[in-house]
Amino acid sequence: MRRRVMCPNEAREREGLSPRAGGDEFSQAWKQTVEIKKQPEGKE
């Protein structure tokens, strides 16, 4: 799955596991962003 050769549900099927919701789509981690919020000074 790391190489994105098969979707998660295909891998689960090979392992004898039931499919999961959204498992027929590939992760698009390169499109995800992380938002970092800074605390106002003096508040921790």
PDB file of N, CA and C in Angstrom:
ATOM      1  N   MET A   1       0.817  -1.201   0.000  1.00  0.00           N
ATOM      2  CA  MET A   1       0.000   0.000   0.000  1.00  0.00           C
ATOM      3  C   MET A   1       0.857   1.260   0.000  1.00  0.00           C
ATOM      4  N   ARG A   2       2.019   1.221   0.563  1.00  0.00           N
ATOM      5  CA  ARG A   2       2.861   2.420   0.596  1.00  0.00           C
ATOM      6  C   ARG A   2       3.220   2.898  -0.800  1.00  0.00           C
ATOM      7  N   ARG A   3       3.336   1.979  -1.724  1.00  0.00           N
ATOM      8  CA  ARG A   3       3.697   2.355  -3.092  1.00  0.00           C
ATOM      9  C   ARG A   3       2.482   2.711  -3.935  1.00  0.00           C
ATOM     10  N   ARG A   4       1.300   2.611  -3.365  1.00  0.00           N
ATOM     11  CA  ARG A   4       0.046   2.974  -4.034  1.00  0.00           C
ATOM     12  C   ARG A   4      -0.226   2.110  -5.260  1.00  0.00           C
ATOM     13  N   VAL A   5       0.153   0.840  -5.183  1.00  0.00           N
ATOM     14  CA  VAL A   5      -0.091  -0.080  -6.282  1.00  0.00           C
ATOM     15  C   VAL A   5      -1.515  -0.604  -6.219  1.00  0.00           C
ATOM     16  N   MET A   6      -2.054  -0.734  -5.010  1.00  0.00           N
ATOM     17  CA  MET A   6      -3.434  -1.184  -4.839  1.00  0.00           C
ATOM     18  C   MET A   6      -4.098  -0.308  -3.783  1.00  0.00           C
ATOM     19  N   CYS A   7      -5.411  -0.186  -3.879  1.00  0.00           N
ATOM     20  CA  CYS A   7      -6.137   0.632  -2.906  1.00  0.00           C
ATOM     21  C   CYS A   7      -6.239  -0.140  -1.583  1.00  0.00           C
ATOM     22  N   PRO A   8      -6.511   0.548  -0.482  1.00  0.00           N
ATOM     23  CA  PRO A   8      -6.591  -0.123   0.815  1.00  0.00           C
ATOM     24  C   PRO A   8      -7.552  -1.311   0.840  1.00  0.00           C
ATOM     25  N   ASN A   9      -8.706  -1.200   0.193  1.00  0.00           N
ATOM     26  CA  ASN A   9      -9.659  -2.315   0.215  1.00  0.00           C
ATOM     27  C   ASN A   9      -9.154  -3.528  -0.565  1.00  0.00           C
ATOM     28  N   GLU A  10      -8.361  -3.314  -1.601  1.00  0.00           N
ATOM     29  CA  GLU A  10      -7.769  -4.449  -2.313  1.00  0.00           C
ATOM     30  C   GLU A  10      -6.793  -5.184  -1.400  1.00  0.00           C
ATOM     31  N   ALA A  11      -6.009  -4.439  -0.650  1.00  0.00           N
ATOM     32  CA  ALA A  11      -5.072  -5.054   0.293  1.00  0.00           C
ATOM     33  C   ALA A  11      -5.829  -5.784   1.401  1.00  0.00           C
ATOM     34  N   ARG A  12      -6.906  -5.179   1.887  1.00  0.00           N
ATOM     35  CA  ARG A  12      -7.713  -5.818   2.928  1.00  0.00           C
ATOM     36  C   ARG A  12      -8.320  -7.123   2.413  1.00  0.00           C
ATOM     37  N   GLU A  13      -8.770  -7.123   1.165  1.00  0.00           N
ATOM     38  CA  GLU A  13      -9.353  -8.332   0.583  1.00  0.00           C
ATOM     39  C   GLU A  13      -8.321  -9.458   0.531  1.00  0.00           C
ATOM     40  N   ARG A  14      -7.087  -9.138   0.155  1.00  0.00           N
ATOM     41  CA  ARG A  14      -6.024 -10.146   0.109  1.00  0.00           C
ATOM     42  C   ARG A  14      -5.739 -10.734   1.489  1.00  0.00           C
ATOM     43  N   GLU A  15      -5.934  -9.921   2.530  1.00  0.00           N
ATOM     44  CA  GLU A  15      -5.696 -10.380   3.900  1.00  0.00           C
ATOM     45  C   GLU A  15      -6.923 -11.051   4.512  1.00  0.00           C
ATOM     46  N   GLY A  16      -8.017 -11.135   3.752  1.00  0.00           N
ATOM     47  CA  GLY A  16      -9.228 -11.773   4.248  1.00  0.00           C
ATOM     48  C   GLY A  16     -10.054 -10.871   5.153  1.00  0.00           C
ATOM     49  N   LEU A  17      -9.829  -9.566   5.071  1.00  0.00           N
ATOM     50  CA  LEU A  17     -10.563  -8.600   5.889  1.00  0.00           C
ATOM     51  C   LEU A  17     -11.694  -7.977   5.089  1.00  0.00           C
ATOM     52  N   SER A  18     -12.697  -7.482   5.792  1.00  0.00           N
ATOM     53  CA  SER A  18     -13.814  -6.825   5.115  1.00  0.00           C
ATOM     54  C   SER A  18     -13.404  -5.413   4.688  1.00  0.00           C
ATOM     55  N   PRO A  19     -14.043  -4.885   3.642  1.00  0.00           N
ATOM     56  CA  PRO A  19     -13.713  -3.532   3.181  1.00  0.00           C
ATOM     57  C   PRO A  19     -14.120  -2.483   4.207  1.00  0.00           C
ATOM     58  N   ARG A  20     -13.470  -1.323   4.129  1.00  0.00           N
ATOM     59  CA  ARG A  20     -13.828  -0.218   5.014  1.00  0.00           C
ATOM     60  C   ARG A  20     -14.311   0.953   4.171  1.00  0.00           C
ATOM     61  N   ALA A  21     -15.083   1.821   4.777  1.00  0.00           N
ATOM     62  CA  ALA A  21     -15.608   2.997   4.074  1.00  0.00           C
ATOM     63  C   ALA A  21     -14.449   3.860   3.587  1.00  0.00           C
ATOM     64  N   GLY A  22     -14.504   4.271   2.334  1.00  0.00           N
ATOM     65  CA  GLY A  22     -13.459   5.115   1.761  1.00  0.00           C
ATOM     66  C   GLY A  22     -12.210   4.356   1.357  1.00  0.00           C
ATOM     67  N   GLY A  23     -12.226   3.048   1.499  1.00  0.00           N
ATOM     68  CA  GLY A  23     -11.045   2.244   1.214  1.00  0.00           C
ATOM     69  C   GLY A  23     -10.770   1.999  -0.252  1.00  0.00           C
ATOM     70  N   ASP A  24     -11.640   2.483  -1.127  1.00  0.00           N
ATOM     71  CA  ASP A  24     -11.401   2.329  -2.561  1.00  0.00           C
ATOM     72  C   ASP A  24     -10.711   3.554  -3.148  1.00  0.00           C
ATOM     73  N   GLU A  25     -10.385   4.515  -2.296  1.00  0.00           N
ATOM     74  CA  GLU A  25      -9.713   5.730  -2.752  1.00  0.00           C
ATOM     75  C   GLU A  25      -8.308   5.776  -2.178  1.00  0.00           C
ATOM     76  N   PHE A  26      -7.421   6.383  -2.919  1.00  0.00           N
ATOM     77  CA  PHE A  26      -6.041   6.513  -2.477  1.00  0.00           C
ATOM     78  C   PHE A  26      -5.871   7.773  -1.646  1.00  0.00           C
ATOM     79  N   SER A  27      -4.990   7.697  -0.658  1.00  0.00           N
ATOM     80  CA  SER A  27      -4.669   8.861   0.170  1.00  0.00           C
ATOM     81  C   SER A  27      -3.932   9.880  -0.687  1.00  0.00           C
ATOM     82  N   GLN A  28      -4.235  11.137  -0.472  1.00  0.00           N
ATOM     83  CA  GLN A  28      -3.549  12.200  -1.191  1.00  0.00           C
ATOM     84  C   GLN A  28      -2.840  13.079  -0.170  1.00  0.00           C
ATOM     85  N   ALA A  29      -1.915  12.472   0.553  1.00  0.00           N
ATOM     86  CA  ALA A  29      -1.227  13.153   1.647  1.00  0.00           C
ATOM     87  C   ALA A  29      -0.484  14.405   1.173  1.00  0.00           C
ATOM     88  N   TRP A  30      -0.008  14.411  -0.059  1.00  0.00           N
ATOM     89  CA  TRP A  30       0.717  15.572  -0.557  1.00  0.00           C
ATOM     90  C   TRP A  30      -0.196  16.789  -0.712  1.00  0.00           C
ATOM     91  N   LYS A  31      -1.513  16.597  -0.688  1.00  0.00           N
ATOM     92  CA  LYS A  31      -2.452  17.710  -0.809  1.00  0.00           C
ATOM     93  C   LYS A  31      -2.925  18.208   0.549  1.00  0.00           C
ATOM     94  N   GLN A  32      -2.561  17.522   1.617  1.00  0.00           N
ATOM     95  CA  GLN A  32      -3.004  17.910   2.945  1.00  0.00           C
ATOM     96  C   GLN A  32      -2.066  18.962   3.515  1.00  0.00           C
ATOM     97  N   THR A  33      -2.632  19.861   4.306  1.00  0.00           N
ATOM     98  CA  THR A  33      -1.835  20.893   4.948  1.00  0.00           C
ATOM     99  C   THR A  33      -2.042  20.834   6.455  1.00  0.00           C
ATOM    100  N   VAL A  34      -1.086  21.372   7.166  1.00  0.00           N
ATOM    101  CA  VAL A  34      -1.164  21.435   8.618  1.00  0.00           C
ATOM    102  C   VAL A  34      -1.167  22.903   9.010  1.00  0.00           C
ATOM    103  N   GLU A  35      -2.162  23.284   9.796  1.00  0.00           N
ATOM    104  CA  GLU A  35      -2.257  24.666  10.244  1.00  0.00           C
ATOM    105  C   GLU A  35      -1.739  24.749  11.674  1.00  0.00           C
ATOM    106  N   ILE A  36      -0.765  25.628  11.898  1.00  0.00           N
ATOM    107  CA  ILE A  36      -0.189  25.803  13.225  1.00  0.00           C
ATOM    108  C   ILE A  36      -0.675  27.132  13.781  1.00  0.00           C
ATOM    109  N   LYS A  37      -1.334  27.054  14.928  1.00  0.00           N
ATOM    110  CA  LYS A  37      -1.835  28.263  15.574  1.00  0.00           C
ATOM    111  C   LYS A  37      -0.943  28.590  16.759  1.00  0.00           C
ATOM    112  N   LYS A  38      -0.514  29.831  16.839  1.00  0.00           N
ATOM    113  CA  LYS A  38       0.322  30.263  17.952  1.00  0.00           C
ATOM    114  C   LYS A  38      -0.561  30.800  19.064  1.00  0.00           C
ATOM    115  N   GLN A  39      -0.165  30.519  20.294  1.00  0.00           N
ATOM    116  CA  GLN A  39      -0.861  31.056  21.453  1.00  0.00           C
ATOM    117  C   GLN A  39      -0.502  32.535  21.592  1.00  0.00           C
ATOM    118  N   PRO A  40      -1.467  33.375  21.967  1.00  0.00           N
ATOM    119  CA  PRO A  40      -1.133  34.778  22.227  1.00  0.00           C
ATOM    120  C   PRO A  40      -0.089  34.861  23.335  1.00  0.00           C
ATOM    121  N   GLU A  41       0.794  35.836  23.240  1.00  0.00           N
ATOM    122  CA  GLU A  41       1.850  35.969  24.243  1.00  0.00           C
ATOM    123  C   GLU A  41       1.254  36.154  25.624  1.00  0.00           C
ATOM    124  N   GLY A  42       1.839  35.480  26.601  1.00  0.00           N
ATOM    125  CA  GLY A  42       1.362  35.585  27.971  1.00  0.00           C
ATOM    126  C   GLY A  42       0.338  34.532  28.331  1.00  0.00           C
ATOM    127  N   LYS A  43      -0.175  33.789  27.352  1.00  0.00           N
ATOM    128  CA  LYS A  43      -1.148  32.724  27.615  1.00  0.00           C
ATOM    129  C   LYS A  43      -0.529  31.393  27.228  1.00  0.00           C
ATOM    130  N   GLU A  44      -0.493  30.473  28.176  1.00  0.00           N
ATOM    131  CA  GLU A  44       0.052  29.143  27.890  1.00  0.00           C
ATOM    132  C   GLU A  44      -0.872  28.095  28.381  1.00  0.00           C
TER     133      GLU A  44
END
